[in-house]
N, C-alpha and C. Protein backbone atom coordinates (compact mmCIF):
# COMPACT_ATOMS: atom_id res chain seq x y z
N MET A 1 -233.47 -156.80 117.08
CA MET A 1 -233.44 -156.05 117.99
C MET A 1 -235.40 -156.65 118.25
N LYS A 2 -235.37 -157.80 119.12
CA LYS A 2 -236.32 -158.45 119.53
C LYS A 2 -237.72 -157.47 119.37
N ASP A 3 -238.75 -157.96 119.09
CA ASP A 3 -240.11 -156.90 118.99
C ASP A 3 -240.23 -156.47 120.53
N ALA A 4 -240.90 -155.43 120.32
CA ALA A 4 -240.96 -154.56 121.82
C ALA A 4 -241.48 -152.82 121.96
N SER A 5 -242.22 -152.38 122.76
CA SER A 5 -242.65 -151.27 122.81
C SER A 5 -241.93 -150.36 124.36
N PHE A 6 -242.21 -149.41 123.70
CA PHE A 6 -241.24 -148.75 125.28
C PHE A 6 -241.93 -147.01 124.50
N GLN A 7 -241.87 -146.57 125.52
CA GLN A 7 -242.53 -144.71 125.66
C GLN A 7 -240.83 -144.07 126.45
N ALA A 8 -240.73 -143.13 125.47
CA ALA A 8 -239.31 -142.51 126.08
C ALA A 8 -239.58 -141.12 126.32
N LEU A 9 -239.69 -140.66 127.52
CA LEU A 9 -240.13 -139.35 128.30
C LEU A 9 -238.78 -138.36 128.64
N ILE A 10 -239.12 -137.28 127.18
CA ILE A 10 -237.75 -137.16 127.39
C ILE A 10 -238.65 -135.31 127.85
N GLY A 11 -238.41 -134.63 129.04
CA GLY A 11 -238.89 -133.47 129.59
C GLY A 11 -240.58 -134.09 129.13
N ASP A 12 -241.15 -133.48 129.33
CA ASP A 12 -242.54 -133.33 129.36
C ASP A 12 -242.97 -133.73 128.11
N ARG A 13 -242.15 -134.06 127.52
CA ARG A 13 -242.79 -134.90 125.61
C ARG A 13 -242.51 -136.79 125.83
N THR A 14 -243.50 -137.19 125.47
CA THR A 14 -243.58 -138.77 125.41
C THR A 14 -243.60 -139.26 124.46
N VAL A 15 -242.57 -139.70 123.83
CA VAL A 15 -242.38 -140.60 122.22
C VAL A 15 -243.03 -142.30 122.94
N ASN A 16 -243.78 -142.55 121.43
CA ASN A 16 -244.00 -144.02 121.60
C ASN A 16 -242.82 -144.82 120.92
N LEU A 17 -242.15 -145.98 121.30
CA LEU A 17 -241.21 -146.42 119.67
C LEU A 17 -241.86 -147.99 120.35
N SER A 18 -241.96 -148.58 119.26
CA SER A 18 -241.52 -149.97 118.82
C SER A 18 -241.62 -150.49 117.92
N PHE A 19 -240.50 -151.58 118.44
CA PHE A 19 -239.60 -152.67 117.27
C PHE A 19 -240.70 -153.99 117.11
N GLU A 20 -241.09 -153.96 115.50
CA GLU A 20 -241.38 -155.00 115.42
C GLU A 20 -241.56 -155.42 114.05
N ASP A 21 -240.89 -157.09 113.85
CA ASP A 21 -240.71 -157.81 112.44
C ASP A 21 -239.43 -156.16 111.73
N GLY A 22 -238.33 -156.40 112.81
CA GLY A 22 -236.90 -155.41 111.98
C GLY A 22 -238.19 -153.91 111.92
N GLU A 23 -238.74 -153.69 112.38
CA GLU A 23 -238.53 -152.28 111.58
C GLU A 23 -238.98 -151.65 112.91
N LEU A 24 -238.63 -149.89 112.65
CA LEU A 24 -238.94 -148.92 114.03
C LEU A 24 -240.23 -148.36 113.35
N THR A 25 -240.53 -148.06 114.59
CA THR A 25 -242.32 -146.82 114.33
C THR A 25 -241.93 -145.60 115.57
N ILE A 26 -241.82 -144.31 115.63
CA ILE A 26 -241.87 -143.69 116.11
C ILE A 26 -243.12 -142.74 116.12
N ASP A 27 -243.63 -142.95 117.11
CA ASP A 27 -245.60 -142.46 116.84
C ASP A 27 -245.96 -142.70 115.55
N GLU A 28 -246.19 -143.49 115.49
CA GLU A 28 -246.71 -144.33 113.92
C GLU A 28 -246.15 -143.89 113.08
N ARG A 29 -245.13 -143.39 112.92
CA ARG A 29 -244.35 -143.12 111.90
C ARG A 29 -243.11 -144.40 111.68
N SER A 30 -243.54 -145.10 110.41
CA SER A 30 -242.15 -145.97 110.46
C SER A 30 -240.80 -145.38 109.75
N VAL A 31 -239.73 -146.12 109.93
CA VAL A 31 -238.81 -145.54 109.17
C VAL A 31 -237.64 -146.80 109.92
N ALA A 32 -236.15 -146.98 108.31
CA ALA A 32 -235.53 -147.50 108.67
C ALA A 32 -234.31 -147.39 110.01
N PHE A 33 -233.61 -147.92 110.28
CA PHE A 33 -232.68 -148.30 110.88
C PHE A 33 -232.28 -148.89 111.14
N SER A 34 -230.93 -148.92 111.98
CA SER A 34 -230.24 -150.34 112.94
C SER A 34 -229.51 -149.13 113.53
N PHE A 35 -229.25 -150.16 114.87
CA PHE A 35 -229.13 -149.73 116.22
C PHE A 35 -227.49 -150.91 116.52
N GLU A 36 -226.17 -150.81 116.83
CA GLU A 36 -225.24 -151.92 117.12
C GLU A 36 -224.57 -150.91 118.52
N SER A 37 -224.24 -152.03 119.11
CA SER A 37 -223.15 -151.48 120.08
C SER A 37 -221.52 -151.31 119.44
N CYS A 38 -220.61 -150.15 119.91
CA CYS A 38 -219.41 -150.37 119.82
C CYS A 38 -218.92 -150.46 120.78
N SER A 39 -219.60 -150.37 122.10
CA SER A 39 -219.04 -150.25 123.33
C SER A 39 -219.93 -150.62 124.48
N GLU A 40 -219.74 -150.35 125.91
CA GLU A 40 -220.65 -150.61 126.76
C GLU A 40 -221.56 -149.35 126.38
N LYS A 41 -220.99 -147.60 125.97
CA LYS A 41 -222.11 -146.79 126.37
C LYS A 41 -221.93 -146.29 124.29
N HIS A 42 -220.82 -146.26 123.67
CA HIS A 42 -220.82 -146.02 122.46
C HIS A 42 -222.07 -147.38 121.56
N PHE A 43 -222.85 -146.12 120.09
CA PHE A 43 -223.82 -146.91 119.69
C PHE A 43 -223.76 -146.17 118.45
N SER A 44 -223.53 -146.72 116.93
CA SER A 44 -223.51 -146.44 115.97
C SER A 44 -225.47 -146.61 115.42
N LEU A 45 -226.41 -145.08 115.53
CA LEU A 45 -227.78 -145.74 114.98
C LEU A 45 -227.66 -144.65 113.64
N LEU A 46 -228.20 -146.40 112.86
CA LEU A 46 -228.51 -145.79 111.42
C LEU A 46 -229.81 -145.19 110.61
N ILE A 47 -230.54 -143.94 111.09
CA ILE A 47 -231.84 -143.87 110.56
C ILE A 47 -232.16 -142.98 109.39
N ASP A 48 -232.95 -143.60 108.72
CA ASP A 48 -233.40 -143.24 107.86
C ASP A 48 -231.84 -142.63 106.76
N GLY A 49 -231.11 -143.48 106.39
CA GLY A 49 -230.01 -143.66 105.87
C GLY A 49 -228.61 -142.53 106.28
N ARG A 50 -228.62 -141.92 107.43
CA ARG A 50 -227.97 -141.26 108.43
C ARG A 50 -227.76 -141.37 109.78
N SER A 51 -225.99 -141.19 109.77
CA SER A 51 -225.49 -142.21 110.18
C SER A 51 -225.11 -141.19 112.16
N VAL A 52 -225.68 -142.04 112.40
CA VAL A 52 -225.49 -140.48 114.39
C VAL A 52 -225.02 -141.66 115.16
N PRO A 53 -223.59 -140.72 115.81
CA PRO A 53 -223.02 -141.90 117.02
C PRO A 53 -223.78 -141.22 118.14
N VAL A 54 -223.83 -142.18 119.27
CA VAL A 54 -224.87 -141.98 119.90
C VAL A 54 -223.95 -143.11 121.58
N VAL A 55 -224.27 -141.71 122.55
CA VAL A 55 -223.85 -142.04 123.49
C VAL A 55 -224.49 -142.45 124.32
N VAL A 56 -224.79 -143.74 125.50
CA VAL A 56 -225.88 -143.33 126.59
C VAL A 56 -225.37 -143.83 127.76
N THR A 57 -225.62 -142.45 129.01
CA THR A 57 -224.86 -143.51 129.99
C THR A 57 -226.00 -143.39 131.11
N PRO A 58 -226.40 -144.27 132.54
CA PRO A 58 -227.13 -143.66 133.57
C PRO A 58 -227.37 -142.40 134.08
N ALA A 59 -228.76 -142.37 134.23
CA ALA A 59 -228.28 -140.70 134.95
C ALA A 59 -229.19 -140.47 136.75
N GLY A 60 -228.78 -141.79 136.99
CA GLY A 60 -229.14 -142.11 138.21
C GLY A 60 -230.11 -142.59 138.76
N SER A 61 -231.03 -142.15 138.68
CA SER A 61 -232.68 -142.34 138.86
C SER A 61 -232.67 -143.87 138.01
N PRO A 62 -233.78 -145.23 138.28
CA PRO A 62 -233.47 -146.08 137.42
C PRO A 62 -234.46 -146.39 135.96
N LYS A 63 -234.03 -146.43 135.14
CA LYS A 63 -233.99 -146.59 133.95
C LYS A 63 -234.44 -145.45 133.53
N THR A 64 -233.33 -143.85 133.93
CA THR A 64 -233.44 -142.91 133.02
C THR A 64 -231.78 -142.91 132.39
N TYR A 65 -231.73 -141.43 130.97
CA TYR A 65 -230.36 -142.09 130.91
C TYR A 65 -230.36 -141.18 130.41
N ASN A 66 -228.70 -140.51 130.27
CA ASN A 66 -228.40 -139.73 129.56
C ASN A 66 -228.09 -140.34 128.12
N VAL A 67 -228.92 -139.51 126.99
CA VAL A 67 -228.27 -139.89 125.55
C VAL A 67 -227.93 -138.49 124.83
N THR A 68 -226.72 -138.67 124.62
CA THR A 68 -225.64 -137.49 123.47
C THR A 68 -225.75 -138.08 122.36
N ALA A 69 -226.33 -136.72 120.89
CA ALA A 69 -226.46 -137.50 119.84
C ALA A 69 -226.42 -136.52 119.17
N ALA A 70 -225.68 -135.93 118.14
CA ALA A 70 -225.76 -135.07 117.15
C ALA A 70 -225.71 -133.66 117.91
N GLY A 71 -224.63 -134.03 118.83
CA GLY A 71 -223.85 -132.69 119.93
C GLY A 71 -224.95 -132.06 120.58
N HIS A 72 -226.07 -132.98 121.04
CA HIS A 72 -227.49 -132.53 121.90
C HIS A 72 -227.04 -134.15 122.66
N THR A 73 -227.20 -133.35 124.34
CA THR A 73 -227.60 -134.66 125.31
C THR A 73 -229.36 -134.16 125.75
N TRP A 74 -229.68 -135.48 125.97
CA TRP A 74 -231.43 -135.15 127.17
C TRP A 74 -231.27 -135.82 127.56
N GLU A 75 -232.02 -136.05 128.84
CA GLU A 75 -232.38 -136.82 129.81
C GLU A 75 -233.53 -137.68 129.34
N ILE A 76 -233.57 -138.90 129.17
CA ILE A 76 -234.52 -139.67 128.91
C ILE A 76 -234.68 -140.93 129.88
N ARG A 77 -235.81 -141.46 129.84
CA ARG A 77 -236.53 -141.71 131.33
C ARG A 77 -237.38 -142.88 130.07
N VAL A 78 -237.14 -144.34 130.31
CA VAL A 78 -237.55 -145.34 129.61
C VAL A 78 -238.81 -146.21 130.26
N LYS A 79 -240.38 -146.09 129.82
CA LYS A 79 -241.16 -147.15 130.37
C LYS A 79 -241.14 -148.67 129.08
N ASP A 80 -240.24 -150.06 129.76
CA ASP A 80 -240.70 -150.68 128.84
C ASP A 80 -241.73 -151.35 128.98
N GLU A 81 -242.39 -152.54 128.68
CA GLU A 81 -243.58 -153.32 128.16
C GLU A 81 -243.45 -153.22 129.71
N ARG A 82 -243.23 -153.60 130.51
CA ARG A 82 -243.75 -154.39 131.81
C ARG A 82 -244.67 -152.71 132.27
N ASP A 83 -243.61 -152.16 132.47
CA ASP A 83 -244.29 -150.61 132.95
C ASP A 83 -245.33 -150.26 132.27
N LEU A 84 -245.83 -150.23 131.79
CA LEU A 84 -246.37 -149.83 130.21
C LEU A 84 -247.73 -150.50 131.13
N LEU A 85 -247.42 -151.94 131.41
CA LEU A 85 -248.58 -152.71 131.25
C LEU A 85 -249.08 -152.66 132.88
N LEU A 86 -248.04 -152.24 133.82
CA LEU A 86 -248.36 -151.55 134.87
C LEU A 86 -249.31 -150.53 134.99
N GLU A 87 -248.67 -150.09 134.37
CA GLU A 87 -249.42 -148.52 134.32
C GLU A 87 -250.70 -148.97 133.76
N ARG A 88 -251.54 -149.50 132.46
CA ARG A 88 -252.84 -149.91 131.97
C ARG A 88 -253.13 -150.55 133.22
N PHE A 89 -253.20 -151.15 133.88
CA PHE A 89 -253.55 -151.90 134.99
C PHE A 89 -253.86 -150.94 135.92
N GLY A 90 -252.96 -149.97 135.97
CA GLY A 90 -253.71 -148.83 137.43
C GLY A 90 -252.07 -149.12 138.69
N LEU A 91 -251.17 -150.33 138.58
CA LEU A 91 -250.26 -150.64 139.56
C LEU A 91 -249.42 -150.09 139.56
N ASP A 92 -249.17 -149.12 138.70
CA ASP A 92 -248.15 -148.06 138.42
C ASP A 92 -247.65 -147.23 140.05
N GLU A 93 -248.64 -146.52 140.71
CA GLU A 93 -248.14 -145.56 141.53
C GLU A 93 -247.89 -146.50 143.15
N GLY A 94 -246.92 -146.03 143.08
CA GLY A 94 -246.21 -146.25 145.08
C GLY A 94 -245.42 -147.71 144.30
N LEU A 95 -244.50 -147.98 143.11
CA LEU A 95 -243.85 -149.22 144.09
C LEU A 95 -242.64 -149.15 144.34
N MET A 96 -242.43 -148.33 145.09
CA MET A 96 -240.86 -147.93 146.03
C MET A 96 -241.52 -148.24 147.13
N GLY A 97 -242.44 -148.60 147.52
CA GLY A 97 -242.68 -148.29 148.56
C GLY A 97 -244.37 -147.57 149.16
N GLY A 98 -245.18 -147.91 149.95
CA GLY A 98 -246.26 -147.21 150.19
C GLY A 98 -247.86 -147.74 149.84
N GLU A 99 -248.68 -146.62 149.46
CA GLU A 99 -249.64 -147.32 149.07
C GLU A 99 -249.89 -147.63 147.56
N ILE A 100 -250.61 -148.27 147.38
CA ILE A 100 -250.85 -148.98 145.58
C ILE A 100 -252.58 -148.80 145.51
N THR A 101 -252.54 -148.21 144.40
CA THR A 101 -254.36 -148.43 144.03
C THR A 101 -254.56 -149.51 142.88
N VAL A 102 -255.22 -150.60 143.32
CA VAL A 102 -255.22 -151.30 141.93
C VAL A 102 -256.44 -150.53 141.47
N ARG A 103 -256.62 -150.16 140.02
CA ARG A 103 -258.00 -149.90 139.34
C ARG A 103 -258.80 -150.95 138.07
N ALA A 104 -259.64 -150.79 138.09
CA ALA A 104 -260.14 -151.83 136.77
C ALA A 104 -259.59 -151.18 135.05
N PRO A 105 -258.72 -151.50 134.41
CA PRO A 105 -257.99 -151.52 133.53
C PRO A 105 -258.77 -150.76 132.41
N MET A 106 -260.40 -151.96 132.82
CA MET A 106 -261.58 -151.35 131.51
C MET A 106 -262.55 -151.76 132.01
N PRO A 107 -263.39 -151.65 131.45
CA PRO A 107 -265.33 -151.78 132.11
C PRO A 107 -265.11 -153.34 132.85
N GLY A 108 -265.62 -153.81 133.09
CA GLY A 108 -266.03 -155.42 133.17
C GLY A 108 -266.65 -155.76 134.36
N LEU A 109 -266.61 -156.84 134.83
CA LEU A 109 -267.47 -157.98 136.00
C LEU A 109 -266.30 -158.34 136.60
N VAL A 110 -266.37 -158.48 137.94
CA VAL A 110 -265.54 -158.95 138.60
C VAL A 110 -266.22 -160.57 139.70
N LEU A 111 -265.58 -161.61 139.03
CA LEU A 111 -265.53 -162.90 139.01
C LEU A 111 -265.43 -163.08 139.87
N ASP A 112 -264.22 -163.02 140.70
CA ASP A 112 -263.60 -163.71 141.91
C ASP A 112 -262.78 -162.90 142.76
N VAL A 113 -262.91 -162.41 144.07
CA VAL A 113 -261.39 -161.54 144.80
C VAL A 113 -261.10 -162.96 145.62
N LEU A 114 -259.67 -162.99 144.97
CA LEU A 114 -258.71 -163.70 145.77
C LEU A 114 -257.74 -163.56 146.89
N VAL A 115 -258.59 -161.79 147.54
CA VAL A 115 -256.71 -161.70 148.44
C VAL A 115 -258.55 -160.84 149.94
N GLU A 116 -258.38 -160.89 150.98
CA GLU A 116 -258.83 -160.39 151.88
C GLU A 116 -258.10 -159.02 152.43
N PRO A 117 -258.84 -157.85 153.47
CA PRO A 117 -258.78 -157.11 154.11
C PRO A 117 -257.09 -157.81 154.99
N GLY A 118 -255.95 -157.31 155.43
CA GLY A 118 -255.11 -157.66 156.05
C GLY A 118 -254.52 -159.24 154.85
N ASP A 119 -254.49 -159.55 153.94
CA ASP A 119 -253.48 -160.82 153.57
C ASP A 119 -252.34 -160.78 153.11
N THR A 120 -251.15 -160.82 153.47
CA THR A 120 -249.91 -161.07 152.99
C THR A 120 -249.74 -161.09 151.58
N VAL A 121 -249.30 -160.64 150.36
CA VAL A 121 -249.34 -161.82 149.04
C VAL A 121 -247.85 -161.05 148.76
N GLU A 122 -247.49 -162.02 148.10
CA GLU A 122 -245.76 -161.72 147.05
C GLU A 122 -246.46 -161.19 145.66
N ALA A 123 -245.51 -160.60 145.09
CA ALA A 123 -245.41 -159.69 144.11
C ALA A 123 -245.93 -161.63 143.20
N ASP A 124 -246.69 -160.62 142.13
CA ASP A 124 -246.89 -161.44 140.67
C ASP A 124 -248.78 -162.71 141.84
N ALA A 125 -248.72 -162.30 143.01
CA ALA A 125 -249.40 -163.35 143.15
C ALA A 125 -250.65 -162.55 142.88
N GLY A 126 -251.91 -163.74 142.39
CA GLY A 126 -253.17 -163.00 142.01
C GLY A 126 -254.29 -162.49 142.49
N LEU A 127 -254.64 -161.18 142.58
CA LEU A 127 -255.74 -160.05 143.32
C LEU A 127 -257.55 -160.33 142.70
N LEU A 128 -257.38 -160.44 142.00
CA LEU A 128 -258.97 -161.09 141.88
C LEU A 128 -258.78 -160.95 140.00
N VAL A 129 -260.02 -161.75 139.28
CA VAL A 129 -260.34 -162.05 138.40
C VAL A 129 -261.25 -160.72 137.88
N LEU A 130 -260.83 -160.80 136.71
CA LEU A 130 -262.50 -159.27 135.89
C LEU A 130 -262.54 -160.15 134.60
N GLU A 131 -263.59 -160.26 134.31
CA GLU A 131 -264.62 -160.42 132.71
C GLU A 131 -264.56 -159.15 131.85
N ALA A 132 -263.42 -159.58 131.17
CA ALA A 132 -264.03 -158.17 129.75
C ALA A 132 -263.81 -158.44 128.85
N MET A 133 -264.70 -157.81 128.32
CA MET A 133 -264.56 -158.45 126.49
C MET A 133 -264.70 -159.99 126.46
N LYS A 134 -265.55 -160.45 127.52
CA LYS A 134 -265.34 -161.90 126.97
C LYS A 134 -263.89 -162.32 127.89
N MET A 135 -263.18 -162.21 127.88
CA MET A 135 -261.99 -162.75 129.11
C MET A 135 -261.70 -161.94 130.08
N GLU A 136 -261.63 -163.21 130.53
CA GLU A 136 -260.76 -163.49 131.79
C GLU A 136 -259.73 -163.37 132.16
N ASN A 137 -259.53 -161.76 133.73
CA ASN A 137 -258.14 -161.47 133.20
C ASN A 137 -257.84 -161.30 135.06
N GLU A 138 -256.71 -162.07 135.03
CA GLU A 138 -256.24 -161.54 136.85
C GLU A 138 -255.38 -161.09 136.70
N LEU A 139 -256.10 -160.01 137.92
CA LEU A 139 -255.14 -158.92 138.55
C LEU A 139 -253.68 -159.33 139.66
N LYS A 140 -252.92 -159.44 139.31
CA LYS A 140 -251.88 -159.21 140.13
C LYS A 140 -251.05 -158.49 140.55
N ALA A 141 -250.45 -158.79 141.72
CA ALA A 141 -249.85 -158.41 142.90
C ALA A 141 -248.67 -157.91 142.32
N PRO A 142 -248.08 -155.96 141.96
CA PRO A 142 -246.93 -155.51 141.79
C PRO A 142 -245.99 -155.41 142.31
N ALA A 143 -246.06 -155.86 143.56
CA ALA A 143 -245.06 -155.90 144.76
C ALA A 143 -245.55 -156.78 146.44
N ASP A 144 -244.38 -157.04 146.63
CA ASP A 144 -244.83 -158.02 148.25
C ASP A 144 -245.25 -156.57 148.82
N GLY A 145 -246.48 -157.40 149.61
CA GLY A 145 -247.20 -156.24 150.86
C GLY A 145 -248.63 -157.06 150.90
N GLN A 146 -249.27 -155.94 151.54
CA GLN A 146 -250.25 -156.13 152.17
C GLN A 146 -252.01 -155.34 151.73
N VAL A 147 -252.69 -156.36 151.78
CA VAL A 147 -253.82 -155.73 151.25
C VAL A 147 -254.77 -154.74 152.15
N LYS A 148 -254.86 -153.51 151.80
CA LYS A 148 -255.66 -152.35 152.58
C LYS A 148 -257.42 -152.76 153.19
N ALA A 149 -257.63 -153.18 151.40
CA ALA A 149 -258.75 -152.71 151.27
C ALA A 149 -259.23 -153.24 149.97
N VAL A 150 -260.17 -154.31 149.69
CA VAL A 150 -261.03 -154.86 148.63
C VAL A 150 -262.30 -153.99 148.20
N HIS A 151 -262.49 -153.17 147.55
CA HIS A 151 -263.80 -152.74 147.08
C HIS A 151 -264.78 -153.28 146.54
N VAL A 152 -264.56 -154.56 146.38
CA VAL A 152 -265.51 -154.81 145.14
C VAL A 152 -265.61 -156.55 146.03
N SER A 153 -266.66 -156.59 145.30
CA SER A 153 -267.31 -158.31 145.20
C SER A 153 -267.41 -158.97 143.81
N PRO A 154 -267.57 -160.42 144.11
CA PRO A 154 -268.03 -161.30 143.12
C PRO A 154 -269.09 -160.59 142.44
N GLY A 155 -269.11 -160.71 141.56
CA GLY A 155 -270.60 -160.23 140.54
C GLY A 155 -270.71 -158.33 140.63
N ASP A 156 -269.89 -157.93 140.99
CA ASP A 156 -270.00 -156.46 141.18
C ASP A 156 -269.78 -156.14 139.41
N ALA A 157 -270.17 -155.41 138.91
CA ALA A 157 -269.89 -154.85 137.60
C ALA A 157 -268.99 -153.87 137.92
N VAL A 158 -267.96 -153.06 137.06
CA VAL A 158 -266.72 -151.56 138.30
C VAL A 158 -266.51 -150.88 136.24
N GLY A 159 -266.69 -149.99 136.12
CA GLY A 159 -266.47 -149.33 135.06
C GLY A 159 -264.70 -148.76 135.26
N LYS A 160 -263.72 -148.34 134.09
CA LYS A 160 -262.52 -148.49 133.98
C LYS A 160 -262.62 -147.16 134.89
N ASN A 161 -260.74 -147.86 135.72
CA ASN A 161 -260.40 -146.89 136.84
C ASN A 161 -260.82 -146.89 138.05
N GLU A 162 -262.03 -147.87 138.19
CA GLU A 162 -262.79 -147.68 139.18
C GLU A 162 -261.53 -148.57 140.43
N VAL A 163 -261.75 -148.33 141.35
CA VAL A 163 -260.59 -148.39 142.71
C VAL A 163 -261.07 -149.91 142.92
N LEU A 164 -260.14 -151.13 142.71
CA LEU A 164 -260.93 -152.28 143.61
C LEU A 164 -260.31 -152.90 144.56
N ILE A 165 -258.81 -152.59 144.92
CA ILE A 165 -258.14 -152.71 145.76
C ILE A 165 -257.27 -151.95 146.22
N GLU A 166 -256.95 -151.34 147.72
CA GLU A 166 -255.96 -150.53 148.13
C GLU A 166 -254.66 -151.52 149.15
N PHE A 167 -253.65 -151.21 148.01
CA PHE A 167 -252.65 -152.59 148.83
C PHE A 167 -251.23 -151.16 149.47
N GLU A 168 -250.74 -151.78 150.41
CA GLU A 168 -249.68 -151.23 150.45
C GLU A 168 -248.49 -151.84 150.44
N ALA A 169 -247.48 -151.51 149.64
CA ALA A 169 -246.11 -152.48 149.25
C ALA A 169 -244.78 -152.23 150.92
């Protein structure tokens, strides 16, 4: 399996999963595992020496699945690396339409603002450049849309989670 990180939302519980160098880490606990596809919906999970048949089916909502294992079924919403990155940069709200607030992912200095209110932008277009921890980070549009308001100017110091740009998808 390719190196990746995920969050699985199971009811009100969040489980952090990462696959790195062939090892699975579940909430900071490393476990031996093997996960093999038997058919489109059926999988064989070998975890800590135990074999568990698993059935995975879509649950209707995007990135949400019904997972049946060991006689129990759970509805699980998966956040992949892209979802987690968008969330970290404050770009996860309202991606299905409506208003999106772009927030500072960390304290920093605004080096450049690449858009103005009223500008129409495409997904992944640069919105502004933020210097944080001696690195330049270009914050990008999460979807096609229009810039509603810009709350910062070049040279402004910003705090973590400070609203930078309001965007309408």
